[in-house]
Protein backbone atom coordinates (compact mmCIF):
# COMPACT_ATOMS: atom_id res chain seq x y z
CA UNK A 1 63.34 -11.81 -17.93
CA UNK A 2 63.10 -11.60 -13.52
CA UNK A 3 64.16 -13.94 -11.58
CA UNK A 4 62.46 -17.26 -12.26
CA UNK A 5 60.33 -18.94 -9.13
CA UNK A 6 60.36 -22.69 -8.12
CA UNK A 7 57.20 -23.78 -9.85
CA UNK A 8 58.49 -22.01 -13.16
CA UNK A 9 61.75 -24.27 -12.63
CA UNK A 10 59.80 -27.39 -12.10
CA UNK A 11 57.27 -26.99 -15.02
CA UNK A 12 60.65 -26.18 -17.25
CA UNK A 13 62.65 -29.34 -15.92
CA UNK A 14 59.71 -31.78 -15.70
CA UNK A 15 59.90 -32.71 -19.58
CA UNK A 16 63.66 -32.51 -19.97
CA UNK A 17 63.75 -35.21 -16.73
CA UNK A 18 61.41 -37.48 -18.49
CA UNK A 19 63.38 -37.54 -21.32
CA UNK A 20 66.71 -38.15 -19.48
CA UNK A 21 64.83 -40.85 -17.95
CA UNK A 22 63.71 -42.90 -20.75
CA UNK A 23 67.67 -42.98 -22.64
CA UNK A 24 66.95 -39.74 -24.91
CA UNK A 25 69.19 -37.08 -25.75
CA UNK A 26 68.28 -33.70 -23.72
CA UNK A 27 71.22 -31.70 -25.18
CA UNK A 28 69.13 -29.69 -28.15
CA UNK A 29 66.10 -29.85 -25.64
CA UNK A 30 68.38 -28.61 -22.78
CA UNK A 31 69.86 -25.01 -25.08
CA UNK A 32 66.18 -24.83 -25.98
CA UNK A 33 64.72 -24.66 -22.29
CA UNK A 34 67.60 -22.01 -21.51
CA UNK A 35 67.55 -19.65 -24.61
CA UNK A 36 63.23 -19.71 -23.41
CA UNK A 37 64.25 -18.87 -20.17
CA UNK A 38 66.78 -16.45 -20.55
CA UNK A 39 69.51 -18.64 -19.02
CA UNK A 40 72.74 -20.24 -19.34
CA UNK A 41 72.70 -23.89 -20.30
CA UNK A 42 74.93 -24.46 -17.36
CA UNK A 43 72.36 -23.06 -14.90
CA UNK A 44 69.76 -25.48 -16.78
CA UNK A 45 71.87 -28.65 -16.67
CA UNK A 46 73.44 -27.66 -13.00
CA UNK A 47 69.72 -27.91 -11.78
CA UNK A 48 68.75 -30.98 -13.77
CA UNK A 49 71.68 -32.25 -11.85
CA UNK A 50 70.37 -31.82 -8.60
CA UNK A 51 67.70 -32.87 -6.75
CA UNK A 52 64.35 -31.31 -6.75
CA UNK A 53 64.08 -30.13 -3.33
CA UNK A 54 62.30 -27.52 -2.42
CA UNK A 55 64.24 -24.40 -0.36
CA UNK A 56 63.33 -24.92 3.23
CA UNK A 57 61.26 -21.31 4.01
CA UNK A 58 59.94 -20.23 7.81
CA UNK A 59 57.03 -21.07 8.66
CA UNK A 60 54.88 -18.48 10.72
CA UNK A 61 53.21 -20.74 14.28
CA UNK A 62 50.07 -20.15 15.71
CA UNK A 63 51.78 -18.15 18.42
CA UNK A 64 53.08 -15.93 15.21
CA UNK A 65 49.93 -15.23 14.21
CA UNK A 66 48.54 -15.03 17.66
CA UNK A 67 51.01 -12.29 18.27
CA UNK A 68 50.80 -10.43 15.12
CA UNK A 69 46.88 -9.74 15.99
CA UNK A 70 47.41 -9.09 19.52
CA UNK A 71 50.13 -6.34 18.27
CA UNK A 72 47.25 -4.80 15.72
CA UNK A 73 49.69 -6.02 12.70
CA UNK A 74 52.97 -4.71 13.87
CA UNK A 75 55.60 -6.91 12.65
CA UNK A 76 58.36 -4.85 14.29
CA UNK A 77 56.43 -5.50 17.79
CA UNK A 78 56.30 -9.38 16.89
CA UNK A 79 59.71 -9.58 16.38
CA UNK A 80 61.03 -8.30 19.34
CA UNK A 81 58.63 -9.85 21.35
CA UNK A 82 59.25 -12.95 19.78
CA UNK A 83 63.40 -12.45 19.98
CA UNK A 84 62.70 -11.60 24.08
CA UNK A 85 61.00 -14.04 24.90
CA UNK A 86 63.82 -16.72 22.87
CA UNK A 87 66.37 -14.96 25.24
CA UNK A 88 64.66 -16.06 28.40
CA UNK A 89 63.32 -12.13 29.16
CA UNK A 90 59.62 -11.54 29.82
CA UNK A 91 59.33 -8.23 28.95
CA UNK A 92 59.63 -5.92 25.69
CA UNK A 93 60.40 -2.40 25.12
CA UNK A 94 59.25 -2.22 29.05
CA UNK A 95 56.23 -4.26 28.34
CA UNK A 96 55.34 -7.62 30.30
CA UNK A 97 54.76 -10.31 27.37
CA UNK A 98 51.58 -12.42 27.53
CA UNK A 99 52.57 -15.80 29.04
CA UNK A 100 50.92 -17.76 26.11
CA UNK A 101 53.02 -16.25 23.89
CA UNK A 102 55.75 -16.66 26.19
CA UNK A 103 55.11 -20.54 26.34
CA UNK A 104 54.47 -20.77 23.05
CA UNK A 105 57.96 -19.62 21.45
CA UNK A 106 59.75 -21.38 23.99
CA UNK A 107 62.62 -22.98 21.92
CA UNK A 108 61.83 -21.34 19.07
CA UNK A 109 64.36 -20.69 16.40
CA UNK A 110 65.28 -17.13 16.21
CA UNK A 111 64.51 -15.18 12.56
CA UNK A 112 65.47 -11.51 11.36
CA UNK A 113 62.94 -9.15 11.21
CA UNK A 114 63.02 -9.22 7.41
CA UNK A 115 62.00 -13.15 7.06
CA UNK A 116 59.46 -12.45 9.70
CA UNK A 117 57.99 -9.90 7.40
CA UNK A 118 58.39 -11.61 4.27
CA UNK A 119 56.55 -14.79 6.08
CA UNK A 120 53.62 -12.38 6.92
CA UNK A 121 53.27 -11.23 3.55
CA UNK A 122 53.33 -14.70 2.47
CA UNK A 123 51.46 -16.71 4.50
CA UNK A 124 48.65 -14.86 5.42
CA UNK A 125 45.70 -13.46 2.95
CA UNK A 126 45.12 -9.59 2.41
CA UNK A 127 42.11 -9.86 3.96
CA UNK A 128 43.21 -11.54 7.34
CA UNK A 129 45.98 -8.44 7.29
CA UNK A 130 43.74 -5.50 6.52
CA UNK A 131 41.03 -7.05 9.54
CA UNK A 132 44.08 -7.15 11.51
CA UNK A 133 45.13 -3.77 10.86
CA UNK A 134 42.50 -1.95 9.79
CA UNK A 135 39.08 -3.79 11.39
CA UNK A 136 36.22 -5.73 9.92
CA UNK A 137 35.10 -3.33 7.11
CA UNK A 138 39.17 -2.88 5.65
CA UNK A 139 38.90 -6.92 5.66
CA UNK A 140 35.50 -7.15 3.93
CA UNK A 141 37.28 -4.70 1.23
CA UNK A 142 39.51 -7.34 0.46
CA UNK A 143 36.92 -9.98 0.16
CA UNK A 144 35.71 -11.76 -3.07
CA UNK A 145 31.95 -12.13 -3.38
CA UNK A 146 29.53 -14.11 -5.79
CA UNK A 147 27.63 -12.04 -7.94
CA UNK A 148 23.70 -12.46 -7.88
CA UNK A 149 22.84 -13.56 -11.68
CA UNK A 150 21.44 -11.03 -13.95
CA UNK A 151 17.04 -10.62 -13.19
CA UNK A 152 14.57 -8.73 -15.03
CA UNK A 153 13.23 -5.43 -14.64
CA UNK A 154 11.08 -5.34 -11.09
CA UNK A 155 11.67 -8.84 -10.17
CA UNK A 156 14.40 -7.31 -7.38
CA UNK A 157 14.51 -3.66 -6.17
CA UNK A 158 17.44 -2.59 -3.62
CA UNK A 159 16.46 0.15 -1.00
CA UNK A 160 18.10 1.53 1.72
CA UNK A 161 18.49 5.56 3.46
CA UNK A 162 21.47 7.52 3.09
CA UNK A 163 23.02 10.80 4.82
CA UNK A 164 23.88 12.80 2.23
CA UNK A 165 27.09 14.67 2.71
CA UNK A 166 25.67 18.00 1.34
CA UNK A 167 24.74 21.47 3.53
CA UNK A 168 20.94 22.19 2.91
CA UNK A 169 19.33 24.99 4.98
CA UNK A 170 15.45 23.62 6.29
CA UNK A 171 12.84 26.43 6.28
CA UNK A 172 13.49 26.57 10.03
CA UNK A 173 16.45 25.67 12.05
CA UNK A 174 20.23 25.37 11.83
CA UNK A 175 21.55 23.90 8.62
CA UNK A 176 21.95 19.96 8.30
CA UNK A 177 23.09 17.49 5.62
CA UNK A 178 19.93 15.89 4.66
CA UNK A 179 18.83 11.95 3.99
CA UNK A 180 17.53 10.42 0.89
CA UNK A 181 15.44 7.35 0.66
CA UNK A 182 16.25 5.64 -2.61
CA UNK A 183 15.17 2.53 -4.59
CA UNK A 184 16.80 1.26 -7.53
CA UNK A 185 16.03 -1.65 -10.21
CA UNK A 186 17.93 -4.42 -9.81
CA UNK A 187 18.48 -5.38 -13.48
CA UNK A 188 18.30 -1.82 -14.98
CA UNK A 189 19.86 0.24 -12.52
CA UNK A 190 16.56 2.68 -13.22
CA UNK A 191 16.38 4.65 -9.91
CA UNK A 192 12.67 3.85 -9.49
CA UNK A 193 11.98 6.43 -6.47
CA UNK A 194 13.51 8.92 -4.06
CA UNK A 195 12.50 11.15 -0.86
CA UNK A 196 14.50 13.36 0.67
CA UNK A 197 14.16 14.59 4.13
CA UNK A 198 16.04 16.02 7.44
CA UNK A 199 15.44 12.40 9.08
CA UNK A 200 14.09 9.01 7.33
CA UNK A 201 10.64 7.97 8.14
CA UNK A 202 8.22 5.74 7.32
CA UNK A 203 6.34 8.57 4.83
CA UNK A 204 9.42 8.82 2.85
CA UNK A 205 10.16 5.03 2.33
CA UNK A 206 5.90 4.76 0.96
CA UNK A 207 6.82 7.91 -1.30
CA UNK A 208 10.08 6.44 -2.86
CA UNK A 209 7.93 3.29 -3.16
CA UNK A 210 4.72 5.04 -5.02
CA UNK A 211 7.07 7.02 -7.11
CA UNK A 212 8.64 3.77 -8.84
CA UNK A 213 5.14 2.04 -8.98
CA UNK A 214 2.93 4.62 -10.42
CA UNK A 215 2.91 5.29 -14.03
CA UNK A 216 4.35 8.76 -14.66
CA UNK A 217 7.11 9.65 -17.34
CA UNK A 218 7.51 13.02 -15.23
CA UNK A 219 9.01 10.99 -12.34
CA UNK A 220 11.02 8.52 -14.27
CA UNK A 221 10.74 5.05 -16.45
CA UNK A 222 10.12 2.57 -14.04
CA UNK A 223 6.24 1.75 -13.03
CA UNK A 224 4.38 -1.20 -11.99
CA UNK A 225 4.89 -3.68 -8.62
CA UNK A 226 8.16 -5.26 -7.80
CA UNK A 227 8.33 -8.66 -6.77
CA UNK A 228 11.09 -8.27 -4.69
CA UNK A 229 12.54 -5.45 -1.68
CA UNK A 230 16.13 -6.04 -0.74
CA UNK A 231 16.26 -3.84 2.40
CA UNK A 232 18.43 -3.62 5.40
CA UNK A 233 17.46 -3.74 9.35
CA UNK A 234 16.19 -0.03 9.26
CA UNK A 235 13.25 0.49 11.40
CA UNK A 236 11.71 2.65 8.80
CA UNK A 237 11.74 -0.72 6.54
CA UNK A 238 9.87 -2.61 9.13
CA UNK A 239 7.11 -0.34 9.94
CA UNK A 240 3.88 -1.42 10.21
CA UNK A 241 2.56 1.09 7.29
CA UNK A 242 5.27 -0.52 5.19
CA UNK A 243 4.71 -4.00 5.89
CA UNK A 244 0.71 -3.55 5.34
CA UNK A 245 1.65 -1.68 1.91
CA UNK A 246 4.10 -4.19 0.73
CA UNK A 247 1.54 -7.32 2.14
CA UNK A 248 -1.18 -5.48 0.07
CA UNK A 249 0.28 -5.56 -3.30
CA UNK A 250 2.30 -8.94 -3.21
CA UNK A 251 5.87 -7.52 -2.75
CA UNK A 252 7.89 -9.85 -0.81
CA UNK A 253 10.36 -7.60 1.38
CA UNK A 254 13.77 -9.68 1.94
CA UNK A 255 15.17 -8.09 4.98
CA UNK A 256 19.28 -8.63 4.92
CA UNK A 257 21.52 -9.31 8.25
CA UNK A 258 23.01 -5.86 9.76
CA UNK A 259 25.72 -4.31 8.63
CA UNK A 260 25.79 -6.40 4.70
CA UNK A 261 26.13 -3.49 2.73
CA UNK A 262 27.68 -6.53 -0.04
CA UNK A 263 24.36 -7.82 0.04
CA UNK A 264 23.05 -4.76 -1.89
CA UNK A 265 25.75 -3.93 -3.83
CA UNK A 266 23.68 -1.89 -6.72
CA UNK A 267 22.21 0.82 -4.02
CA UNK A 268 25.21 1.70 -2.52
CA UNK A 269 26.96 1.72 -5.62
CA UNK A 270 24.07 3.99 -6.80
CA UNK A 271 24.64 6.46 -3.78
CA UNK A 272 28.67 6.57 -4.37
CA UNK A 273 27.67 7.45 -8.11
CA UNK A 274 25.33 10.60 -6.23
CA UNK A 275 28.16 11.93 -4.71
CA UNK A 276 30.18 11.44 -7.65
CA UNK A 277 27.94 12.86 -10.30
CA UNK A 278 26.10 15.20 -8.17
CA UNK A 279 27.23 16.38 -5.08
CA UNK A 280 30.65 17.01 -5.23
CA UNK A 281 29.77 19.64 -7.61
CA UNK A 282 27.36 21.77 -5.48
CA UNK A 283 28.80 24.27 -2.99
CA UNK A 284 28.29 22.53 0.36
CA UNK A 285 29.98 19.33 0.13
CA UNK A 286 30.95 18.04 3.08
CA UNK A 287 33.59 15.28 1.34
CA UNK A 288 35.75 17.60 -0.03
CA UNK A 289 38.92 18.98 0.58
CA UNK A 290 39.24 21.31 3.90
CA UNK A 291 41.47 24.32 5.52
CA UNK A 292 44.10 23.56 8.42
CA UNK A 293 41.63 24.51 11.05
CA UNK A 294 39.27 21.67 9.70
CA UNK A 295 36.75 24.42 7.97
CA UNK A 296 36.06 23.38 4.04
CA UNK A 297 37.62 25.08 1.51
CA UNK A 298 34.39 26.24 -0.41
CA UNK A 299 32.38 28.65 0.36
CA UNK A 300 30.08 27.31 2.88
CA UNK A 301 31.27 26.32 6.67
CA UNK A 302 29.92 23.03 7.95
CA UNK A 303 30.86 23.75 11.58
CA UNK A 304 28.60 23.92 14.41
CA UNK A 305 28.71 27.55 14.83
CA UNK A 306 28.47 28.28 11.45
CA UNK A 307 25.02 25.55 11.11
CA UNK A 308 23.34 27.47 13.61
CA UNK A 309 24.93 31.31 11.73
CA UNK A 310 23.17 30.40 8.64
CA UNK A 311 20.22 29.19 10.36
CA UNK A 312 19.66 32.68 12.30
CA UNK A 313 20.58 34.47 8.94
CA UNK A 314 18.34 33.10 7.19
CA UNK A 315 15.35 33.64 9.91
CA UNK A 316 16.82 37.10 9.70
CA UNK A 317 15.92 37.39 5.96
CA UNK A 318 19.41 37.42 4.87
CA UNK A 319 19.97 35.85 1.65
CA UNK A 320 22.99 36.06 0.47
CA UNK A 321 25.52 33.59 1.45
CA UNK A 322 23.89 30.65 2.60
CA UNK A 323 23.58 26.92 1.81
CA UNK A 324 20.56 26.05 -0.84
CA UNK A 325 17.45 25.14 0.66
CA UNK A 326 16.19 21.78 1.39
CA UNK A 327 13.14 22.13 -1.47
CA UNK A 328 15.90 23.94 -3.65
CA UNK A 329 18.17 20.52 -3.02
CA UNK A 330 15.43 18.64 -3.96
CA UNK A 331 14.49 19.55 -6.99
CA UNK A 332 18.04 19.61 -8.06
CA UNK A 333 18.14 16.18 -6.73
CA UNK A 334 15.33 15.03 -8.90
CA UNK A 335 16.66 16.36 -12.10
CA UNK A 336 19.91 14.45 -11.24
CA UNK A 337 17.77 11.47 -11.20
CA UNK A 338 16.18 12.18 -14.77
CA UNK A 339 19.33 12.87 -16.11
CA UNK A 340 20.96 9.48 -14.61
CA UNK A 341 18.26 7.26 -15.79
CA UNK A 342 17.85 8.74 -19.39
CA UNK A 343 21.67 10.25 -19.88
CA UNK A 344 24.20 8.52 -18.06
CA UNK A 345 26.04 5.50 -19.65
CA UNK A 346 26.37 2.74 -17.28
CA UNK A 347 29.31 1.26 -17.18
CA UNK A 348 28.12 -2.33 -16.71
CA UNK A 349 25.04 -2.19 -18.89
CA UNK A 350 26.77 -0.07 -22.07
CA UNK A 351 23.48 2.30 -21.99
CA UNK A 352 21.16 4.46 -20.14
CA UNK A 353 19.04 2.61 -17.95
CA UNK A 354 16.10 4.06 -19.49
CA UNK A 355 17.39 2.04 -22.35
CA UNK A 356 18.07 -1.16 -20.56
CA UNK A 357 14.40 -0.72 -18.93
CA UNK A 358 12.60 -0.44 -22.45
CA UNK A 359 14.76 -3.17 -23.90
CA UNK A 360 13.51 -5.77 -21.67
CA UNK A 361 10.03 -7.17 -22.62
CA UNK A 362 9.13 -8.36 -19.29
CA UNK A 363 5.46 -8.02 -18.40
CA UNK A 364 4.46 -5.19 -15.90
CA UNK A 365 2.03 -5.19 -13.06
CA UNK A 366 0.34 -1.97 -12.76
CA UNK A 367 -1.76 -0.48 -10.22
CA UNK A 368 -3.81 2.16 -11.02
CA UNK A 369 -2.76 5.42 -9.08
CA UNK A 370 -6.13 6.00 -6.65
CA UNK A 371 -5.25 2.04 -5.43
CA UNK A 372 -2.03 3.33 -4.48
CA UNK A 373 -3.06 6.77 -2.83
CA UNK A 374 -3.59 5.33 0.74
CA UNK A 375 -1.03 2.97 1.30
CA UNK A 376 1.70 5.23 -0.21
CA UNK A 377 1.44 8.66 0.45
CA UNK A 378 2.60 10.61 3.35
CA UNK A 379 -0.30 11.72 6.00
CA UNK A 380 -0.92 15.21 7.60
CA UNK A 381 -3.77 16.99 9.04
CA UNK A 382 -5.35 20.22 7.80
CA UNK A 383 -8.32 22.29 8.11
CA UNK A 384 -10.19 23.64 4.89
CA UNK A 385 -10.14 27.71 5.29
CA UNK A 386 -11.63 30.51 3.12
CA UNK A 387 -9.21 30.03 0.40
CA UNK A 388 -8.65 26.18 0.47
CA UNK A 389 -6.14 24.24 1.95
CA UNK A 390 -2.74 25.82 2.78
CA UNK A 391 0.31 23.24 2.75
CA UNK A 392 4.09 24.04 1.96
CA UNK A 393 2.84 27.95 1.85
CA UNK A 394 0.75 27.06 -0.96
CA UNK A 395 -3.12 27.49 -1.54
CA UNK A 396 -4.92 24.23 -2.71
CA UNK A 397 -8.61 23.41 -4.69
CA UNK A 398 -9.86 20.87 -6.18
CA UNK A 399 -11.40 22.17 -9.39
CA UNK A 400 -15.09 19.77 -9.01
CA UNK A 401 -15.54 22.12 -6.19
CA UNK A 402 -15.92 19.00 -3.50
CA UNK A 403 -14.32 20.96 -0.73
CA UNK A 404 -15.87 24.45 -1.61
CA UNK A 405 -18.84 24.00 0.97
CA UNK A 406 -16.72 22.13 3.75
CA UNK A 407 -15.04 25.69 5.09
CA UNK A 408 -13.72 25.09 8.52
CA UNK A 409 -13.63 20.91 8.18
CA UNK A 410 -11.43 18.56 9.33
CA UNK A 411 -9.58 16.85 6.58
CA UNK A 412 -6.64 14.10 6.43
CA UNK A 413 -4.12 15.16 3.16
CA UNK A 414 -1.54 12.52 1.86
CA UNK A 415 0.91 13.90 -0.32
CA UNK A 416 4.11 13.55 -1.86
CA UNK A 417 7.22 15.13 -0.36
CA UNK A 418 8.67 17.71 -2.96
CA UNK A 419 6.18 17.21 -5.47
CA UNK A 420 3.74 20.15 -5.51
CA UNK A 421 1.63 19.09 -8.46
CA UNK A 422 -1.04 17.57 -6.56
CA UNK A 423 -2.75 16.20 -2.85
CA UNK A 424 -5.52 14.18 -2.01
CA UNK A 425 -7.96 14.56 0.40
CA UNK A 426 -9.55 12.13 2.69
CA UNK A 427 -12.43 12.93 4.64
CA UNK A 428 -13.40 10.13 7.95
CA UNK A 429 -10.93 7.93 5.84
CA UNK A 430 -12.29 7.96 2.74
CA UNK A 431 -10.78 9.70 -0.52
CA UNK A 432 -13.12 13.12 -0.94
CA UNK A 433 -10.77 15.13 -3.76
CA UNK A 434 -7.50 15.92 -5.52
CA UNK A 435 -6.38 19.23 -4.97
CA UNK A 436 -4.04 21.50 -6.95
CA UNK A 437 -1.88 24.98 -5.90
CA UNK A 438 -4.37 27.70 -6.82
CA UNK A 439 -1.45 29.29 -9.07
CA UNK A 440 -0.83 26.50 -11.19
CA UNK A 441 -4.04 26.06 -12.24
CA UNK A 442 -5.09 25.71 -15.68
CA UNK A 443 -7.69 27.66 -17.43
CA UNK A 444 -9.73 24.29 -17.89
CA UNK A 445 -9.31 23.78 -14.51
CA UNK A 446 -10.45 27.02 -13.03
CA UNK A 447 -13.52 26.74 -15.71
CA UNK A 448 -14.52 23.98 -14.25
CA UNK A 449 -14.06 25.31 -10.73
CA UNK A 450 -16.39 28.33 -11.74
CA UNK A 451 -18.82 25.75 -13.44
CA UNK A 452 -18.74 23.30 -10.12
CA UNK A 453 -19.74 26.66 -8.52
CA UNK A 454 -22.37 28.06 -10.40
CA UNK A 455 -23.69 24.45 -10.14
CA UNK A 456 -23.65 24.62 -6.36
CA UNK A 457 -25.34 27.93 -5.77
CA UNK A 458 -28.28 26.74 -8.54
CA UNK A 459 -28.67 24.04 -6.25
CA UNK A 460 -28.53 25.72 -3.36
CA UNK A 461 -31.38 28.46 -4.34
CA UNK A 462 -33.44 25.65 -5.55
CA UNK A 463 -33.35 24.04 -2.15
CA UNK A 464 -33.86 27.50 -0.82
CA UNK A 465 -37.08 28.25 -3.09
CA UNK A 466 -38.13 24.55 -2.55
CA UNK A 467 -38.33 25.24 1.23
CA UNK A 468 -40.40 27.99 0.97
CA UNK A 469 -42.77 26.51 -1.02
CA UNK A 470 -42.92 23.88 1.39
CA UNK A 471 -43.18 26.32 4.13
CA UNK A 472 -46.33 28.25 2.69
CA UNK A 473 -48.23 24.48 1.95
CA UNK A 474 -47.53 23.46 6.10
CA UNK A 475 -48.94 27.10 6.55
CA UNK A 476 -51.89 26.64 4.40
CA UNK A 477 -52.89 23.26 5.97
CA UNK A 478 -52.58 24.46 9.52
CA UNK A 479 -54.73 27.36 8.91
CA UNK A 480 -57.33 25.10 7.24
CA UNK A 481 -59.25 23.87 10.23
CA UNK A 482 -62.53 23.41 11.28
CA UNK A 483 -63.06 26.19 13.37
CA UNK A 484 -62.82 29.41 11.60
CA UNK A 485 -60.62 32.44 13.90
CA UNK A 486 -63.84 34.64 13.32
CA UNK A 487 -65.60 31.99 15.20
CA UNK A 488 -62.66 31.54 18.02
CA UNK A 489 -62.86 35.07 18.42
CA UNK A 490 -66.81 35.77 19.20
CA UNK A 491 -68.93 35.43 22.11
CA UNK A 492 -72.19 33.85 22.62
CA UNK A 493 -75.21 36.14 23.95
CA UNK A 494 -75.73 33.46 27.01
CA UNK A 495 -72.11 33.47 28.04
CA UNK A 496 -71.86 37.57 27.91
CA UNK A 497 -75.15 38.02 30.15
CA UNK A 498 -72.94 35.26 32.39
CA UNK A 499 -70.06 36.64 32.16
CA UNK A 500 -71.93 40.26 32.96
CA UNK A 501 -74.01 38.95 36.43
CA UNK A 502 -70.73 37.45 37.18
CA UNK A 503 -68.44 41.05 36.20
CA UNK A 504 -70.86 43.49 38.39
CA UNK A 505 -71.40 47.03 37.50
CA UNK A 506 -70.20 48.39 34.47
CA UNK A 507 -71.42 45.52 32.52
CA UNK A 508 -67.68 44.57 31.97
CA UNK A 509 -66.85 40.79 31.98
CA UNK A 510 -65.06 40.14 35.04
CA UNK A 511 -61.30 39.69 34.40
CA UNK A 512 -60.26 35.89 34.24
CA UNK A 513 -56.92 36.78 35.63
CA UNK A 514 -55.79 38.35 39.06
CA UNK A 515 -54.55 41.84 40.09
CA UNK A 516 -53.26 41.08 43.61
CA UNK A 517 -51.02 38.53 43.77
CA UNK A 518 -48.51 40.54 45.48
CA UNK A 519 -51.36 42.23 47.58
CA UNK A 520 -52.08 44.78 44.58
CA UNK A 521 -56.11 45.49 43.75
CA UNK A 522 -57.13 48.10 41.39
CA UNK A 523 -57.11 51.76 42.44
CA UNK A 524 -60.83 52.90 43.55
CA UNK A 525 -62.35 56.60 42.28
CA UNK A 526 -60.97 59.65 44.70
CA UNK A 527 -63.00 61.69 46.22
CA UNK A 528 -62.16 64.89 46.33
CA UNK A 529 -60.89 66.85 49.96
CA UNK A 530 -60.98 70.53 51.49
CA UNK A 531 -57.08 70.93 53.29
CA UNK A 532 -59.05 73.00 55.42
CA UNK A 533 -61.00 70.66 57.27
CA UNK A 534 -57.86 68.54 58.54
CA UNK A 535 -56.57 69.14 61.12
CA UNK A 536 -52.88 69.54 60.24
CA UNK A 537 -50.47 71.55 62.12
CA UNK A 538 -49.75 74.41 59.39
CA UNK A 539 -46.20 74.74 60.39
CA UNK A 540 -45.32 71.42 60.36
CA UNK A 541 -46.74 70.42 56.89
CA UNK A 542 -44.59 68.38 54.30
CA UNK A 543 -45.52 70.66 51.79
């Protein structure tokens, strides 16, 4: 048994002293106590004979603690300055001592460095020492927090962004470390929604929210509206679109104080799980070991020059030796989320998050997907082309043929990042159709599209036929008047006589139009002339 503390001695001797004070024999009790404590009987008798006074020990003064803070927890520096001040010197190791410290240490008793070190260890809390030596983050790591009571599913979601320590290659530009926006259910630990982007924005927040609220088995077990969203003070969470969406759905956003990760510990722990379970197994993990020169020990290099080089190589068509593409990484991340929800046994729950979700009988408030698309989808303008809508290097059409006759029309599409299953098309702010990639249309959807095309062609032919029929009817109505064409073109005998008298010789009617607008008059008949009769100089004839 090791050395006994003062409290252990006090507890062992308390009952013996009470028996002795009552005049009872304590010989047998002393023997039993000595055997229990692992000491000699005479040691127990000696302690019983001495007065129970506490052992004097050195107590830190406020000046000692202030010097400990000023010197960043360096006990040796505190001892040197304290000894110098007690000796009457104003400098320590060539550095002037603060006047307040000099005044506080005036008349203090000198102590050894070991005594001072023991006093700081025993009389200061680990959190205080960590804060002095390592800063606020280190201090918070030594604190004890009150755990929130367990809730039920969809009562509270926690959401946050994280810059993932993995090197990926976007469609254009240099290699980067992407961001993830993620929400987790507070009670069941189900990752309800997520979105990957180069930088977090309002669209990623709305996308992650919608993923968790829509009942879609392909994205996870969670669905329904959350009662409370526990968020930090990120500008993306405070955007007008997010505020409007949560207000429309009746979800209460609970904005936490800044720099308080302990108040949303479940999402912070989930991010750590992402690093431990997924990212550290992929090439390009920037949190892995490094060479002496700072290069990652793996096959990829995340230094600035190398990142630019990866982008240039991808633009030149090179494929080998490059980081994962952004879309490829998003697919891997989605597969991991599915495995985390359905296969990973959570240490706190003792079962998978999906099992915890299914075991919770709390009622869910579901909203149809069509009521969420205008609130919780990222938006982008597009123009309908000859083969539909081009987006993400895919061509999109709706099986119902609603965009078939709108080529050249400017529309607004709403979509889920990293989800190429569908897009919603809006025209002038109103929902028009849901489109699907043309290379992923089922046989039934293709048949539906062709049926819609035939119906549209039949309708257009019927409209053309009806237009021709109406045109013939209008023509017949315009032709059926009181004065026939023949009566309009004939001239009465009296009118013909009048025109003959006015028109002169030939019996032709006088034209109603003038031929002398520019001094031009009709040419009369030319009489024949004998050139010999003309007085013309033969030598100067022009012909």
